[in-house]
Amino acid sequence: QVQLVESGGGLVQAGGSLRLSCAASRSIDSLRDMRWYRQAPGKQRDLVASIASIPITYYADSVKGRFTISRDNAKKTMYLQMNSLKPEDTAVYYCNAVEKGTDYWGQGTQVTVSS
């Protein structure tokens, strides 16, 4: 098992930046893929970005060029650097990892972007 804890959310003006962190309770070396999702009120949870251990990254079209995902296995932490934030980025952001067919989720961190 692994516990995931997000941090770094908050209120920011449009055009601003935030860096989210996802700290794991143990080594993440064996977590081949780690992901960031977000869920806005009344909407489904959508994949924002993912990073493999190689590392290979994926970004949703809506965040390409603005968000950067990274991981530091030594610190057992995954990050999401979010720049040029827009009001439509407002959501609860969740980190996710899958290991041996089991999904692990953090509790989420709120990101609010004001116009």
Protein backbone atom coordinates (compact mmCIF):
# COMPACT_ATOMS: atom_id res chain seq x y z
CA GLN A 1 0.00 0.00 0.00
CA VAL A 2 0.92 3.62 -0.40
CA GLN A 3 -0.62 6.79 1.00
CA LEU A 4 -0.55 9.89 -1.17
CA VAL A 5 -0.86 13.42 0.21
CA GLU A 6 -1.28 16.46 -2.01
CA SER A 7 -0.32 19.99 -1.06
CA GLY A 8 0.30 23.34 -2.69
CA GLY A 9 -3.17 24.31 -3.76
CA GLY A 10 -4.66 27.71 -3.11
CA LEU A 11 -6.18 30.84 -4.56
CA VAL A 12 -4.31 32.58 -7.36
CA GLN A 13 -5.12 35.22 -9.94
CA ALA A 14 -5.33 34.36 -13.62
CA GLY A 15 -1.86 34.27 -15.12
CA GLY A 16 -0.30 33.18 -11.86
CA SER A 17 1.50 29.99 -10.90
CA LEU A 18 1.24 27.23 -8.34
CA ARG A 19 3.26 24.10 -7.69
CA LEU A 20 1.43 21.06 -6.40
CA SER A 21 3.21 18.28 -4.56
CA CYS A 22 2.17 14.69 -4.02
CA ALA A 23 4.11 13.05 -1.22
CA ALA A 24 4.08 9.28 -0.90
CA SER A 25 4.33 7.30 2.33
CA ARG A 26 7.00 5.00 0.88
CA SER A 27 9.32 4.63 -2.07
CA ILE A 28 7.75 5.41 -5.43
CA ASP A 29 10.40 3.54 -7.43
CA SER A 30 7.96 0.73 -8.13
CA LEU A 31 5.13 3.06 -9.16
CA ARG A 32 5.57 2.92 -12.89
CA ASP A 33 2.99 5.60 -13.67
CA MET A 34 1.87 8.48 -11.52
CA ARG A 35 -0.83 10.90 -12.54
CA TRP A 36 -2.54 14.15 -11.72
CA TYR A 37 -6.30 14.38 -12.17
CA ARG A 38 -8.67 17.25 -11.54
CA GLN A 39 -12.37 17.55 -10.89
CA ALA A 40 -14.34 20.74 -11.21
CA PRO A 41 -17.75 21.08 -9.50
CA GLY A 42 -20.39 19.10 -11.34
CA LYS A 43 -17.91 17.59 -13.75
CA GLN A 44 -16.12 14.27 -14.09
CA ARG A 45 -12.60 13.69 -12.90
CA ASP A 46 -10.22 14.22 -15.81
CA LEU A 47 -6.62 13.23 -16.37
CA VAL A 48 -4.34 16.28 -16.44
CA ALA A 49 -0.88 14.77 -16.74
CA SER A 50 1.02 11.57 -16.15
CA ILE A 51 4.62 10.56 -15.76
CA ALA A 52 6.22 7.16 -16.06
CA SER A 53 9.35 6.08 -14.25
CA ILE A 54 11.42 6.20 -17.47
CA PRO A 55 10.30 9.11 -17.55
CA ILE A 56 7.72 9.65 -20.26
CA THR A 57 5.13 12.35 -19.80
CA TYR A 58 1.62 12.96 -21.08
CA TYR A 59 -0.43 16.15 -20.91
CA ALA A 60 -4.04 16.91 -21.64
CA ASP A 61 -4.38 19.34 -24.52
CA SER A 62 -5.88 21.94 -22.21
CA VAL A 63 -2.67 22.20 -20.15
CA LYS A 64 0.07 21.57 -22.70
CA GLY A 65 2.72 24.24 -22.61
CA ARG A 66 1.51 25.55 -19.25
CA PHE A 67 1.86 22.62 -16.82
CA THR A 68 4.90 20.48 -16.14
CA ILE A 69 4.80 17.17 -14.32
CA SER A 70 7.87 15.75 -12.63
CA ARG A 71 8.85 13.23 -10.00
CA ASP A 72 11.71 12.96 -7.55
CA ASN A 73 11.99 9.34 -6.51
CA ALA A 74 14.58 10.16 -3.85
CA LYS A 75 12.06 12.49 -2.17
CA LYS A 76 9.14 10.13 -2.85
CA THR A 77 7.29 13.05 -4.38
CA MET A 78 5.56 13.97 -7.61
CA TYR A 79 5.01 17.57 -8.67
CA LEU A 80 2.82 19.59 -10.97
CA GLN A 81 4.13 23.03 -11.88
CA MET A 82 1.22 25.09 -13.14
CA ASN A 83 1.93 28.35 -14.96
CA SER A 84 -0.30 30.82 -16.81
CA LEU A 85 -3.26 29.62 -14.81
CA LYS A 86 -6.76 30.25 -16.12
CA PRO A 87 -10.12 30.36 -14.33
CA GLU A 88 -11.03 27.11 -16.09
CA ASP A 89 -8.18 25.40 -14.24
CA THR A 90 -10.19 25.78 -11.03
CA ALA A 91 -10.75 22.31 -9.59
CA VAL A 92 -9.74 19.87 -6.91
CA TYR A 93 -6.49 18.25 -8.01
CA TYR A 94 -5.78 14.65 -7.11
CA CYS A 95 -2.68 12.54 -7.43
CA ASN A 96 -2.99 8.93 -8.41
CA ALA A 97 -0.82 5.87 -8.69
CA VAL A 98 -1.56 2.33 -9.77
CA GLU A 99 0.32 -0.66 -8.46
CA LYS A 100 -0.53 -4.29 -9.15
CA GLY A 101 -4.00 -3.34 -10.31
CA THR A 102 -4.84 -1.21 -7.28
CA ASP A 103 -5.61 2.50 -7.62
CA TYR A 104 -4.27 4.81 -4.92
CA TRP A 105 -5.59 8.36 -4.52
CA GLY A 106 -4.74 11.35 -2.44
CA GLN A 107 -7.36 13.43 -0.69
CA GLY A 108 -7.11 16.26 -3.18
CA THR A 109 -6.04 19.89 -3.02
CA GLN A 110 -8.20 22.81 -4.12
CA VAL A 111 -6.93 25.15 -6.81
CA THR A 112 -8.97 28.29 -7.41
CA VAL A 113 -8.04 30.74 -10.16
CA SER A 114 -9.75 34.11 -10.06
CA SER A 115 -10.31 36.21 -13.16
